[in-house]
Amino acid sequence: MASVRYIVTDIDKSVEFYRDNLDFKVDMHSPGKFAALLRDDLTLYLSAPGAGSGGHAGGDPKPGGWNRFMIVTRELDALIDRLRGANAGFRGGISDGGAGRAILLEDPSGNVIELFEFKKD
């Protein structure tokens, strides 16, 4: 089991994004402040800026950056099409090399999720 914490600008919009587009289940949701979402063995914690841990660690936590978690899919193109239909944003295009193909998806706050498909034999 792994967990990731993302700082997001809008908790409620982010919960909808992850639930409706990436098949996360809502475990806890405190509107406007915090949410815990589950997908397979991953718990994704969403916090509003200044809510919870982080601010005391020497900075002002904010969304964005390049750190990310990865969702492995067997149908990358279909997932991309579904997300584009939901007006999701991406960083760049599909990279195709190494073990497979990937694209970087942005959540509503600009946090990155890597969508990855292993090479098909």
PDB file of N, CA and C in Angstrom:
ATOM      1  N   MET A   1       0.841  -1.180   0.000  1.00  0.00           N
ATOM      2  CA  MET A   1       0.000   0.000   0.000  1.00  0.00           C
ATOM      3  C   MET A   1       0.885   1.242   0.000  1.00  0.00           C
ATOM      4  N   ALA A   2       0.607   2.167  -0.871  1.00  0.00           N
ATOM      5  CA  ALA A   2       1.358   3.420  -0.948  1.00  0.00           C
ATOM      6  C   ALA A   2       0.399   4.586  -0.818  1.00  0.00           C
ATOM      7  N   SER A   3       0.936   5.713  -0.401  1.00  0.00           N
ATOM      8  CA  SER A   3       0.108   6.914  -0.334  1.00  0.00           C
ATOM      9  C   SER A   3       0.889   8.094  -0.880  1.00  0.00           C
ATOM     10  N   VAL A   4       0.143   9.039  -1.440  1.00  0.00           N
ATOM     11  CA  VAL A   4       0.691  10.260  -2.013  1.00  0.00           C
ATOM     12  C   VAL A   4      -0.187  11.403  -1.526  1.00  0.00           C
ATOM     13  N   ARG A   5       0.437  12.546  -1.194  1.00  0.00           N
ATOM     14  CA  ARG A   5      -0.336  13.730  -0.844  1.00  0.00           C
ATOM     15  C   ARG A   5      -0.105  14.785  -1.921  1.00  0.00           C
ATOM     16  N   TYR A   6      -1.192  15.325  -2.447  1.00  0.00           N
ATOM     17  CA  TYR A   6      -1.132  16.437  -3.388  1.00  0.00           C
ATOM     18  C   TYR A   6      -1.811  17.636  -2.754  1.00  0.00           C
ATOM     19  N   ILE A   7      -1.222  18.797  -2.950  1.00  0.00           N
ATOM     20  CA  ILE A   7      -1.851  20.058  -2.588  1.00  0.00           C
ATOM     21  C   ILE A   7      -2.677  20.482  -3.802  1.00  0.00           C
ATOM     22  N   VAL A   8      -3.936  20.811  -3.576  1.00  0.00           N
ATOM     23  CA  VAL A   8      -4.824  21.188  -4.672  1.00  0.00           C
ATOM     24  C   VAL A   8      -5.518  22.501  -4.344  1.00  0.00           C
ATOM     25  N   THR A   9      -5.853  23.249  -5.374  1.00  0.00           N
ATOM     26  CA  THR A   9      -6.492  24.543  -5.170  1.00  0.00           C
ATOM     27  C   THR A   9      -7.982  24.424  -4.900  1.00  0.00           C
ATOM     28  N   ASP A  10      -8.617  23.351  -5.334  1.00  0.00           N
ATOM     29  CA  ASP A  10     -10.054  23.165  -5.134  1.00  0.00           C
ATOM     30  C   ASP A  10     -10.307  21.690  -4.806  1.00  0.00           C
ATOM     31  N   ILE A  11     -10.511  21.395  -3.533  1.00  0.00           N
ATOM     32  CA  ILE A  11     -10.708  20.010  -3.085  1.00  0.00           C
ATOM     33  C   ILE A  11     -11.875  19.358  -3.818  1.00  0.00           C
ATOM     34  N   ASP A  12     -13.016  20.026  -3.851  1.00  0.00           N
ATOM     35  CA  ASP A  12     -14.222  19.417  -4.406  1.00  0.00           C
ATOM     36  C   ASP A  12     -14.078  19.132  -5.902  1.00  0.00           C
ATOM     37  N   LYS A  13     -13.502  20.058  -6.645  1.00  0.00           N
ATOM     38  CA  LYS A  13     -13.268  19.852  -8.082  1.00  0.00           C
ATOM     39  C   LYS A  13     -12.279  18.709  -8.303  1.00  0.00           C
ATOM     40  N   SER A  14     -11.256  18.630  -7.440  1.00  0.00           N
ATOM     41  CA  SER A  14     -10.265  17.564  -7.564  1.00  0.00           C
ATOM     42  C   SER A  14     -10.860  16.201  -7.246  1.00  0.00           C
ATOM     43  N   VAL A  15     -11.713  16.126  -6.229  1.00  0.00           N
ATOM     44  CA  VAL A  15     -12.391  14.861  -5.914  1.00  0.00           C
ATOM     45  C   VAL A  15     -13.198  14.395  -7.125  1.00  0.00           C
ATOM     46  N   GLU A  16     -13.951  15.293  -7.723  1.00  0.00           N
ATOM     47  CA  GLU A  16     -14.732  14.936  -8.922  1.00  0.00           C
ATOM     48  C   GLU A  16     -13.824  14.445 -10.038  1.00  0.00           C
ATOM     49  N   PHE A  17     -12.696  15.129 -10.261  1.00  0.00           N
ATOM     50  CA  PHE A  17     -11.765  14.767 -11.330  1.00  0.00           C
ATOM     51  C   PHE A  17     -11.247  13.342 -11.145  1.00  0.00           C
ATOM     52  N   TYR A  18     -10.715  13.052  -9.971  1.00  0.00           N
ATOM     53  CA  TYR A  18     -10.133  11.726  -9.734  1.00  0.00           C
ATOM     54  C   TYR A  18     -11.210  10.636  -9.690  1.00  0.00           C
ATOM     55  N   ARG A  19     -12.342  10.920  -9.096  1.00  0.00           N
ATOM     56  CA  ARG A  19     -13.428   9.937  -9.007  1.00  0.00           C
ATOM     57  C   ARG A  19     -14.023   9.659 -10.390  1.00  0.00           C
ATOM     58  N   ASP A  20     -14.365  10.696 -11.115  1.00  0.00           N
ATOM     59  CA  ASP A  20     -15.101  10.543 -12.369  1.00  0.00           C
ATOM     60  C   ASP A  20     -14.229  10.155 -13.554  1.00  0.00           C
ATOM     61  N   ASN A  21     -12.946  10.505 -13.526  1.00  0.00           N
ATOM     62  CA  ASN A  21     -12.077  10.264 -14.682  1.00  0.00           C
ATOM     63  C   ASN A  21     -11.057   9.155 -14.498  1.00  0.00           C
ATOM     64  N   LEU A  22     -10.653   8.887 -13.250  1.00  0.00           N
ATOM     65  CA  LEU A  22      -9.566   7.936 -13.025  1.00  0.00           C
ATOM     66  C   LEU A  22      -9.949   6.812 -12.068  1.00  0.00           C
ATOM     67  N   ASP A  23     -11.231   6.638 -11.836  1.00  0.00           N
ATOM     68  CA  ASP A  23     -11.766   5.496 -11.072  1.00  0.00           C
ATOM     69  C   ASP A  23     -11.299   5.425  -9.622  1.00  0.00           C
ATOM     70  N   PHE A  24     -11.049   6.560  -8.993  1.00  0.00           N
ATOM     71  CA  PHE A  24     -10.762   6.573  -7.565  1.00  0.00           C
ATOM     72  C   PHE A  24     -12.075   6.498  -6.789  1.00  0.00           C
ATOM     73  N   LYS A  25     -12.027   5.906  -5.620  1.00  0.00           N
ATOM     74  CA  LYS A  25     -13.166   5.843  -4.703  1.00  0.00           C
ATOM     75  C   LYS A  25     -12.916   6.832  -3.575  1.00  0.00           C
ATOM     76  N   VAL A  26     -13.958   7.530  -3.144  1.00  0.00           N
ATOM     77  CA  VAL A  26     -13.824   8.501  -2.070  1.00  0.00           C
ATOM     78  C   VAL A  26     -13.899   7.773  -0.734  1.00  0.00           C
ATOM     79  N   ASP A  27     -12.843   7.895   0.073  1.00  0.00           N
ATOM     80  CA  ASP A  27     -12.801   7.299   1.395  1.00  0.00           C
ATOM     81  C   ASP A  27     -13.212   8.326   2.454  1.00  0.00           C
ATOM     82  N   MET A  28     -12.662   9.532   2.362  1.00  0.00           N
ATOM     83  CA  MET A  28     -13.006  10.643   3.254  1.00  0.00           C
ATOM     84  C   MET A  28     -13.060  11.918   2.430  1.00  0.00           C
ATOM     85  N   HIS A  29     -13.958  12.842   2.829  1.00  0.00           N
ATOM     86  CA  HIS A  29     -14.053  14.106   2.114  1.00  0.00           C
ATOM     87  C   HIS A  29     -14.572  15.177   3.067  1.00  0.00           C
ATOM     88  N   SER A  30     -13.717  16.126   3.358  1.00  0.00           N
ATOM     89  CA  SER A  30     -14.092  17.305   4.134  1.00  0.00           C
ATOM     90  C   SER A  30     -14.102  18.463   3.143  1.00  0.00           C
ATOM     91  N   PRO A  31     -15.279  18.829   2.620  1.00  0.00           N
ATOM     92  CA  PRO A  31     -15.354  19.826   1.543  1.00  0.00           C
ATOM     93  C   PRO A  31     -14.497  21.067   1.814  1.00  0.00           C
ATOM     94  N   GLY A  32     -13.729  21.419   0.788  1.00  0.00           N
ATOM     95  CA  GLY A  32     -12.900  22.596   0.844  1.00  0.00           C
ATOM     96  C   GLY A  32     -11.584  22.441   1.590  1.00  0.00           C
ATOM     97  N   LYS A  33     -11.376  21.314   2.292  1.00  0.00           N
ATOM     98  CA  LYS A  33     -10.178  21.172   3.116  1.00  0.00           C
ATOM     99  C   LYS A  33      -9.343  19.942   2.809  1.00  0.00           C
ATOM    100  N   PHE A  34      -9.979  18.762   2.682  1.00  0.00           N
ATOM    101  CA  PHE A  34      -9.218  17.520   2.644  1.00  0.00           C
ATOM    102  C   PHE A  34     -10.058  16.415   2.003  1.00  0.00           C
ATOM    103  N   ALA A  35      -9.361  15.467   1.372  1.00  0.00           N
ATOM    104  CA  ALA A  35     -10.022  14.250   0.882  1.00  0.00           C
ATOM    105  C   ALA A  35      -8.999  13.124   0.852  1.00  0.00           C
ATOM    106  N   ALA A  36      -9.486  11.908   1.045  1.00  0.00           N
ATOM    107  CA  ALA A  36      -8.675  10.703   0.890  1.00  0.00           C
ATOM    108  C   ALA A  36      -9.376   9.839  -0.149  1.00  0.00           C
ATOM    109  N   LEU A  37      -8.667   9.497  -1.202  1.00  0.00           N
ATOM    110  CA  LEU A  37      -9.222   8.724  -2.308  1.00  0.00           C
ATOM    111  C   LEU A  37      -8.436   7.432  -2.453  1.00  0.00           C
ATOM    112  N   LEU A  38      -9.111   6.370  -2.872  1.00  0.00           N
ATOM    113  CA  LEU A  38      -8.494   5.052  -2.995  1.00  0.00           C
ATOM    114  C   LEU A  38      -8.582   4.548  -4.431  1.00  0.00           C
ATOM    115  N   ARG A  39      -7.492   3.941  -4.889  1.00  0.00           N
ATOM    116  CA  ARG A  39      -7.465   3.250  -6.193  1.00  0.00           C
ATOM    117  C   ARG A  39      -6.459   2.117  -6.070  1.00  0.00           C
ATOM    118  N   ASP A  40      -6.931   0.899  -6.142  1.00  0.00           N
ATOM    119  CA  ASP A  40      -6.073  -0.275  -5.971  1.00  0.00           C
ATOM    120  C   ASP A  40      -5.311  -0.141  -4.648  1.00  0.00           C
ATOM    121  N   ASP A  41      -3.979  -0.186  -4.686  1.00  0.00           N
ATOM    122  CA  ASP A  41      -3.168  -0.108  -3.466  1.00  0.00           C
ATOM    123  C   ASP A  41      -2.658   1.306  -3.180  1.00  0.00           C
ATOM    124  N   LEU A  42      -3.273   2.316  -3.778  1.00  0.00           N
ATOM    125  CA  LEU A  42      -2.847   3.700  -3.599  1.00  0.00           C
ATOM    126  C   LEU A  42      -3.902   4.489  -2.842  1.00  0.00           C
ATOM    127  N   THR A  43      -3.464   5.217  -1.826  1.00  0.00           N
ATOM    128  CA  THR A  43      -4.310   6.213  -1.175  1.00  0.00           C
ATOM    129  C   THR A  43      -3.783   7.573  -1.589  1.00  0.00           C
ATOM    130  N   LEU A  44      -4.652   8.390  -2.167  1.00  0.00           N
ATOM    131  CA  LEU A  44      -4.298   9.737  -2.594  1.00  0.00           C
ATOM    132  C   LEU A  44      -4.935  10.716  -1.618  1.00  0.00           C
ATOM    133  N   TYR A  45      -4.095  11.464  -0.909  1.00  0.00           N
ATOM    134  CA  TYR A  45      -4.571  12.474   0.024  1.00  0.00           C
ATOM    135  C   TYR A  45      -4.529  13.826  -0.669  1.00  0.00           C
ATOM    136  N   LEU A  46      -5.634  14.528  -0.654  1.00  0.00           N
ATOM    137  CA  LEU A  46      -5.724  15.854  -1.253  1.00  0.00           C
ATOM    138  C   LEU A  46      -5.915  16.868  -0.138  1.00  0.00           C
ATOM    139  N   SER A  47      -5.074  17.896  -0.125  1.00  0.00           N
ATOM    140  CA  SER A  47      -5.155  18.930   0.906  1.00  0.00           C
ATOM    141  C   SER A  47      -5.200  20.300   0.254  1.00  0.00           C
ATOM    142  N   ALA A  48      -5.970  21.198   0.849  1.00  0.00           N
ATOM    143  CA  ALA A  48      -5.970  22.592   0.413  1.00  0.00           C
ATOM    144  C   ALA A  48      -4.665  23.243   0.876  1.00  0.00           C
ATOM    145  N   PRO A  49      -4.164  24.253   0.167  1.00  0.00           N
ATOM    146  CA  PRO A  49      -2.951  24.936   0.617  1.00  0.00           C
ATOM    147  C   PRO A  49      -3.137  25.427   2.053  1.00  0.00           C
ATOM    148  N   GLY A  50      -2.161  25.129   2.908  1.00  0.00           N
ATOM    149  CA  GLY A  50      -2.211  25.562   4.293  1.00  0.00           C
ATOM    150  C   GLY A  50      -2.992  24.653   5.211  1.00  0.00           C
ATOM    151  N   ALA A  51      -3.682  23.650   4.670  1.00  0.00           N
ATOM    152  CA  ALA A  51      -4.440  22.707   5.499  1.00  0.00           C
ATOM    153  C   ALA A  51      -3.580  21.487   5.761  1.00  0.00           C
ATOM    154  N   GLY A  52      -3.461  21.093   6.983  1.00  0.00           N
ATOM    155  CA  GLY A  52      -2.697  19.892   7.312  1.00  0.00           C
ATOM    156  C   GLY A  52      -1.206  20.144   7.361  1.00  0.00           C
ATOM    157  N   SER A  53      -0.441  19.087   7.138  1.00  0.00           N
ATOM    158  CA  SER A  53       1.017  19.168   7.276  1.00  0.00           C
ATOM    159  C   SER A  53       1.644  19.855   6.080  1.00  0.00           C
ATOM    160  N   GLY A  54       2.865  20.311   6.256  1.00  0.00           N
ATOM    161  CA  GLY A  54       3.626  20.877   5.148  1.00  0.00           C
ATOM    162  C   GLY A  54       4.087  22.292   5.368  1.00  0.00           C
ATOM    163  N   GLY A  55       3.207  23.171   5.820  1.00  0.00           N
ATOM    164  CA  GLY A  55       3.571  24.569   5.961  1.00  0.00           C
ATOM    165  C   GLY A  55       4.678  24.792   6.976  1.00  0.00           C
ATOM    166  N   HIS A  56       4.731  23.972   8.006  1.00  0.00           N
ATOM    167  CA  HIS A  56       5.755  24.115   9.034  1.00  0.00           C
ATOM    168  C   HIS A  56       7.110  23.576   8.576  1.00  0.00           C
ATOM    169  N   ALA A  57       7.158  22.936   7.400  1.00  0.00           N
ATOM    170  CA  ALA A  57       8.381  22.279   6.954  1.00  0.00           C
ATOM    171  C   ALA A  57       9.305  23.220   6.180  1.00  0.00           C
ATOM    172  N   GLY A  58       9.040  24.502   6.214  1.00  0.00           N
ATOM    173  CA  GLY A  58       9.957  25.441   5.580  1.00  0.00           C
ATOM    174  C   GLY A  58       9.521  25.918   4.224  1.00  0.00           C
ATOM    175  N   GLY A  59       8.256  26.045   3.991  1.00  0.00           N
ATOM    176  CA  GLY A  59       7.793  26.549   2.712  1.00  0.00           C
ATOM    177  C   GLY A  59       6.293  26.641   2.677  1.00  0.00           C
ATOM    178  N   ASP A  60       5.798  27.184   1.594  1.00  0.00           N
ATOM    179  CA  ASP A  60       4.363  27.316   1.387  1.00  0.00           C
ATOM    180  C   ASP A  60       3.946  26.250   0.381  1.00  0.00           C
ATOM    181  N   PRO A  61       3.357  25.140   0.836  1.00  0.00           N
ATOM    182  CA  PRO A  61       2.971  24.081  -0.093  1.00  0.00           C
ATOM    183  C   PRO A  61       2.007  24.601  -1.159  1.00  0.00           C
ATOM    184  N   LYS A  62       2.249  24.191  -2.400  1.00  0.00           N
ATOM    185  CA  LYS A  62       1.372  24.587  -3.494  1.00  0.00           C
ATOM    186  C   LYS A  62       1.377  23.487  -4.543  1.00  0.00           C
ATOM    187  N   PRO A  63       0.357  23.451  -5.384  1.00  0.00           N
ATOM    188  CA  PRO A  63       0.268  22.399  -6.394  1.00  0.00           C
ATOM    189  C   PRO A  63       1.259  22.594  -7.528  1.00  0.00           C
ATOM    190  N   GLY A  64       1.399  21.533  -8.313  1.00  0.00           N
ATOM    191  CA  GLY A  64       2.238  21.590  -9.507  1.00  0.00           C
ATOM    192  C   GLY A  64       3.522  20.804  -9.331  1.00  0.00           C
ATOM    193  N   GLY A  65       4.516  21.135 -10.134  1.00  0.00           N
ATOM    194  CA  GLY A  65       5.793  20.436 -10.072  1.00  0.00           C
ATOM    195  C   GLY A  65       5.808  19.245 -11.019  1.00  0.00           C
ATOM    196  N   TRP A  66       6.836  18.412 -10.858  1.00  0.00           N
ATOM    197  CA  TRP A  66       6.999  17.270 -11.753  1.00  0.00           C
ATOM    198  C   TRP A  66       6.896  15.931 -11.047  1.00  0.00           C
ATOM    199  N   ASN A  67       6.851  15.916  -9.715  1.00  0.00           N
ATOM    200  CA  ASN A  67       6.650  14.650  -9.019  1.00  0.00           C
ATOM    201  C   ASN A  67       5.282  14.110  -9.395  1.00  0.00           C
ATOM    202  N   ARG A  68       5.185  12.781  -9.451  1.00  0.00           N
ATOM    203  CA  ARG A  68       3.919  12.206  -9.900  1.00  0.00           C
ATOM    204  C   ARG A  68       3.817  10.754  -9.491  1.00  0.00           C
ATOM    205  N   PHE A  69       2.600  10.250  -9.539  1.00  0.00           N
ATOM    206  CA  PHE A  69       2.396   8.818  -9.424  1.00  0.00           C
ATOM    207  C   PHE A  69       1.948   8.335 -10.789  1.00  0.00           C
ATOM    208  N   MET A  70       1.993   7.027 -10.984  1.00  0.00           N
ATOM    209  CA  MET A  70       1.724   6.455 -12.297  1.00  0.00           C
ATOM    210  C   MET A  70       0.514   5.531 -12.227  1.00  0.00           C
ATOM    211  N   ILE A  71      -0.347   5.652 -13.220  1.00  0.00           N
ATOM    212  CA  ILE A  71      -1.457   4.721 -13.403  1.00  0.00           C
ATOM    213  C   ILE A  71      -1.145   3.910 -14.645  1.00  0.00           C
ATOM    214  N   VAL A  72      -1.092   2.602 -14.491  1.00  0.00           N
ATOM    215  CA  VAL A  72      -0.833   1.701 -15.616  1.00  0.00           C
ATOM    216  C   VAL A  72      -2.173   1.308 -16.221  1.00  0.00           C
ATOM    217  N   THR A  73      -2.250   1.412 -17.534  1.00  0.00           N
ATOM    218  CA  THR A  73      -3.466   1.060 -18.265  1.00  0.00           C
ATOM    219  C   THR A  73      -3.114   0.146 -19.425  1.00  0.00           C
ATOM    220  N   ARG A  74      -4.068  -0.609 -19.874  1.00  0.00           N
ATOM    221  CA  ARG A  74      -3.865  -1.452 -21.064  1.00  0.00           C
ATOM    222  C   ARG A  74      -4.407  -0.783 -22.321  1.00  0.00           C
ATOM    223  N   GLU A  75      -5.122   0.327 -22.138  1.00  0.00           N
ATOM    224  CA  GLU A  75      -5.744   1.040 -23.260  1.00  0.00           C
ATOM    225  C   GLU A  75      -5.461   2.531 -23.140  1.00  0.00           C
ATOM    226  N   LEU A  76      -4.210   2.919 -23.348  1.00  0.00           N
ATOM    227  CA  LEU A  76      -3.804   4.305 -23.185  1.00  0.00           C
ATOM    228  C   LEU A  76      -4.591   5.241 -24.097  1.00  0.00           C
ATOM    229  N   ASP A  77      -4.729   4.885 -25.362  1.00  0.00           N
ATOM    230  CA  ASP A  77      -5.415   5.775 -26.307  1.00  0.00           C
ATOM    231  C   ASP A  77      -6.865   6.009 -25.909  1.00  0.00           C
ATOM    232  N   ALA A  78      -7.562   4.961 -25.482  1.00  0.00           N
ATOM    233  CA  ALA A  78      -8.964   5.108 -25.069  1.00  0.00           C
ATOM    234  C   ALA A  78      -9.070   5.978 -23.825  1.00  0.00           C
ATOM    235  N   LEU A  79      -8.141   5.816 -22.877  1.00  0.00           N
ATOM    236  CA  LEU A  79      -8.153   6.634 -21.667  1.00  0.00           C
ATOM    237  C   LEU A  79      -7.890   8.098 -21.999  1.00  0.00           C
ATOM    238  N   ILE A  80      -6.927   8.349 -22.880  1.00  0.00           N
ATOM    239  CA  ILE A  80      -6.638   9.726 -23.301  1.00  0.00           C
ATOM    240  C   ILE A  80      -7.865  10.341 -23.966  1.00  0.00           C
ATOM    241  N   ASP A  81      -8.505   9.605 -24.855  1.00  0.00           N
ATOM    242  CA  ASP A  81      -9.706  10.119 -25.533  1.00  0.00           C
ATOM    243  C   ASP A  81     -10.794  10.463 -24.519  1.00  0.00           C
ATOM    244  N   ARG A  82     -11.002   9.585 -23.529  1.00  0.00           N
ATOM    245  CA  ARG A  82     -12.026   9.836 -22.509  1.00  0.00           C
ATOM    246  C   ARG A  82     -11.694  11.091 -21.702  1.00  0.00           C
ATOM    247  N   LEU A  83     -10.420  11.244 -21.339  1.00  0.00           N
ATOM    248  CA  LEU A  83     -10.001  12.409 -20.563  1.00  0.00           C
ATOM    249  C   LEU A  83     -10.093  13.696 -21.374  1.00  0.00           C
ATOM    250  N   ARG A  84      -9.721  13.636 -22.635  1.00  0.00           N
ATOM    251  CA  ARG A  84      -9.846  14.832 -23.488  1.00  0.00           C
ATOM    252  C   ARG A  84     -11.317  15.220 -23.637  1.00  0.00           C
ATOM    253  N   GLY A  85     -12.203  14.212 -23.694  1.00  0.00           N
ATOM    254  CA  GLY A  85     -13.635  14.482 -23.749  1.00  0.00           C
ATOM    255  C   GLY A  85     -14.145  15.160 -22.488  1.00  0.00           C
ATOM    256  N   ALA A  86     -13.420  14.986 -21.384  1.00  0.00           N
ATOM    257  CA  ALA A  86     -13.769  15.622 -20.110  1.00  0.00           C
ATOM    258  C   ALA A  86     -12.962  16.910 -19.911  1.00  0.00           C
ATOM    259  N   ASN A  87     -12.327  17.393 -20.973  1.00  0.00           N
ATOM    260  CA  ASN A  87     -11.543  18.632 -20.965  1.00  0.00           C
ATOM    261  C   ASN A  87     -10.344  18.595 -20.024  1.00  0.00           C
ATOM    262  N   ALA A  88      -9.747  17.420 -19.840  1.00  0.00           N
ATOM    263  CA  ALA A  88      -8.541  17.301 -19.021  1.00  0.00           C
ATOM    264  C   ALA A  88      -7.350  17.869 -19.784  1.00  0.00           C
ATOM    265  N   GLY A  89      -6.368  18.367 -19.043  1.00  0.00           N
ATOM    266  CA  GLY A  89      -5.164  18.925 -19.645  1.00  0.00           C
ATOM    267  C   GLY A  89      -3.990  17.963 -19.560  1.00  0.00           C
ATOM    268  N   PHE A  90      -3.109  18.048 -20.522  1.00  0.00           N
ATOM    269  CA  PHE A  90      -1.924  17.198 -20.588  1.00  0.00           C
ATOM    270  C   PHE A  90      -0.685  18.068 -20.720  1.00  0.00           C
ATOM    271  N   ARG A  91       0.458  17.541 -20.275  1.00  0.00           N
ATOM    272  CA  ARG A  91       1.755  18.175 -20.501  1.00  0.00           C
ATOM    273  C   ARG A  91       2.417  17.437 -21.645  1.00  0.00           C
ATOM    274  N   GLY A  92       2.442  18.051 -22.789  1.00  0.00           N
ATOM    275  CA  GLY A  92       3.079  17.434 -23.946  1.00  0.00           C
ATOM    276  C   GLY A  92       2.252  16.310 -24.532  1.00  0.00           C
ATOM    277  N   GLY A  93       2.906  15.530 -25.388  1.00  0.00           N
ATOM    278  CA  GLY A  93       2.237  14.431 -26.058  1.00  0.00           C
ATOM    279  C   GLY A  93       2.675  13.090 -25.508  1.00  0.00           C
ATOM    280  N   ILE A  94       2.327  12.056 -26.237  1.00  0.00           N
ATOM    281  CA  ILE A  94       2.668  10.696 -25.828  1.00  0.00           C
ATOM    282  C   ILE A  94       4.151  10.452 -26.097  1.00  0.00           C
ATOM    283  N   SER A  95       4.853   9.922 -25.106  1.00  0.00           N
ATOM    284  CA  SER A  95       6.234   9.491 -25.315  1.00  0.00           C
ATOM    285  C   SER A  95       6.193   7.994 -25.572  1.00  0.00           C
ATOM    286  N   ASP A  96       6.988   7.560 -26.526  1.00  0.00           N
ATOM    287  CA  ASP A  96       6.973   6.156 -26.934  1.00  0.00           C
ATOM    288  C   ASP A  96       8.407   5.651 -26.974  1.00  0.00           C
ATOM    289  N   GLY A  97       8.796   4.935 -25.961  1.00  0.00           N
ATOM    290  CA  GLY A  97      10.156   4.423 -25.910  1.00  0.00           C
ATOM    291  C   GLY A  97      10.351   3.596 -24.662  1.00  0.00           C
ATOM    292  N   GLY A  98      11.427   2.868 -24.620  1.00  0.00           N
ATOM    293  CA  GLY A  98      11.695   2.055 -23.446  1.00  0.00           C
ATOM    294  C   GLY A  98      10.667   0.957 -23.277  1.00  0.00           C
ATOM    295  N   ALA A  99      10.089   0.880 -22.103  1.00  0.00           N
ATOM    296  CA  ALA A  99       9.169  -0.206 -21.762  1.00  0.00           C
ATOM    297  C   ALA A  99       7.751  -0.001 -22.283  1.00  0.00           C
ATOM    298  N   GLY A 100       7.453   1.203 -22.748  1.00  0.00           N
ATOM    299  CA  GLY A 100       6.087   1.432 -23.218  1.00  0.00           C
ATOM    300  C   GLY A 100       5.839   2.882 -23.591  1.00  0.00           C
ATOM    301  N   ARG A 101       4.550   3.242 -23.576  1.00  0.00           N
ATOM    302  CA  ARG A 101       4.120   4.594 -23.947  1.00  0.00           C
ATOM    303  C   ARG A 101       3.536   5.283 -22.717  1.00  0.00           C
ATOM    304  N   ALA A 102       3.728   6.615 -22.659  1.00  0.00           N
ATOM    305  CA  ALA A 102       3.241   7.364 -21.511  1.00  0.00           C
ATOM    306  C   ALA A 102       2.837   8.772 -21.928  1.00  0.00           C
ATOM    307  N   ILE A 103       1.980   9.369 -21.117  1.00  0.00           N
ATOM    308  CA  ILE A 103       1.613  10.773 -21.276  1.00  0.00           C
ATOM    309  C   ILE A 103       1.398  11.338 -19.881  1.00  0.00           C
ATOM    310  N   LEU A 104       1.671  12.618 -19.711  1.00  0.00           N
ATOM    311  CA  LEU A 104       1.505  13.273 -18.422  1.00  0.00           C
ATOM    312  C   LEU A 104       0.185  14.044 -18.404  1.00  0.00           C
ATOM    313  N   LEU A 105      -0.688  13.643 -17.513  1.00  0.00           N
ATOM    314  CA  LEU A 105      -1.997  14.258 -17.298  1.00  0.00           C
ATOM    315  C   LEU A 105      -1.879  15.241 -16.145  1.00  0.00           C
ATOM    316  N   GLU A 106      -2.582  16.367 -16.224  1.00  0.00           N
ATOM    317  CA  GLU A 106      -2.620  17.316 -15.118  1.00  0.00           C
ATOM    318  C   GLU A 106      -3.991  17.287 -14.461  1.00  0.00           C
ATOM    319  N   ASP A 107      -4.003  17.271 -13.124  1.00  0.00           N
ATOM    320  CA  ASP A 107      -5.277  17.389 -12.419  1.00  0.00           C
ATOM    321  C   ASP A 107      -5.712  18.857 -12.457  1.00  0.00           C
ATOM    322  N   PRO A 108      -6.873  19.210 -11.933  1.00  0.00           N
ATOM    323  CA  PRO A 108      -7.347  20.591 -12.026  1.00  0.00           C
ATOM    324  C   PRO A 108      -6.418  21.626 -11.379  1.00  0.00           C
ATOM    325  N   SER A 109      -5.503  21.197 -10.500  1.00  0.00           N
ATOM    326  CA  SER A 109      -4.573  22.126  -9.862  1.00  0.00           C
ATOM    327  C   SER A 109      -3.197  22.132 -10.513  1.00  0.00           C
ATOM    328  N   GLY A 110      -2.981  21.310 -11.533  1.00  0.00           N
ATOM    329  CA  GLY A 110      -1.688  21.241 -12.208  1.00  0.00           C
ATOM    330  C   GLY A 110      -0.768  20.156 -11.690  1.00  0.00           C
ATOM    331  N   ASN A 111      -1.241  19.313 -10.756  1.00  0.00           N
ATOM    332  CA  ASN A 111      -0.450  18.171 -10.307  1.00  0.00           C
ATOM    333  C   ASN A 111      -0.426  17.122 -11.411  1.00  0.00           C
ATOM    334  N   VAL A 112       0.682  16.406 -11.509  1.00  0.00           N
ATOM    335  CA  VAL A 112       0.892  15.495 -12.628  1.00  0.00           C
ATOM    336  C   VAL A 112       0.593  14.044 -12.246  1.00  0.00           C
ATOM    337  N   ILE A 113      -0.061  13.347 -13.170  1.00  0.00           N
ATOM    338  CA  ILE A 113      -0.294  11.904 -13.087  1.00  0.00           C
ATOM    339  C   ILE A 113       0.243  11.316 -14.393  1.00  0.00           C
ATOM    340  N   GLU A 114       1.115  10.341 -14.289  1.00  0.00           N
ATOM    341  CA  GLU A 114       1.633   9.686 -15.491  1.00  0.00           C
ATOM    342  C   GLU A 114       0.708   8.534 -15.850  1.00  0.00           C
ATOM    343  N   LEU A 115       0.208   8.527 -17.070  1.00  0.00           N
ATOM    344  CA  LEU A 115      -0.586   7.417 -17.596  1.00  0.00           C
ATOM    345  C   LEU A 115       0.352   6.577 -18.452  1.00  0.00           C
ATOM    346  N   PHE A 116       0.455   5.291 -18.156  1.00  0.00           N
ATOM    347  CA  PHE A 116       1.480   4.449 -18.783  1.00  0.00           C
ATOM    348  C   PHE A 116       0.869   3.149 -19.308  1.00  0.00           C
ATOM    349  N   GLU A 117       1.332   2.767 -20.478  1.00  0.00           N
ATOM    350  CA  GLU A 117       0.927   1.486 -21.080  1.00  0.00           C
ATOM    351  C   GLU A 117       2.190   0.735 -21.477  1.00  0.00           C
ATOM    352  N   PHE A 118       2.362  -0.482 -20.924  1.00  0.00           N
ATOM    353  CA  PHE A 118       3.499  -1.316 -21.306  1.00  0.00           C
ATOM    354  C   PHE A 118       3.397  -1.676 -22.774  1.00  0.00           C
ATOM    355  N   LYS A 119       4.566  -1.897 -23.402  1.00  0.00           N
ATOM    356  CA  LYS A 119       4.588  -2.318 -24.799  1.00  0.00           C
ATOM    357  C   LYS A 119       3.781  -3.583 -24.969  1.00  0.00           C
ATOM    358  N   LYS A 120       3.051  -3.625 -26.073  1.00  0.00           N
ATOM    359  CA  LYS A 120       2.274  -4.821 -26.393  1.00  0.00           C
ATOM    360  C   LYS A 120       3.125  -5.707 -27.300  1.00  0.00           C
ATOM    361  N   ASP A 121       3.152  -6.988 -26.990  1.00  0.00           N
ATOM    362  CA  ASP A 121       3.940  -7.925 -27.804  1.00  0.00           C
ATOM    363  C   ASP A 121       3.224  -8.309 -29.059  1.00  0.00           C
TER     364      ASP A 121
END
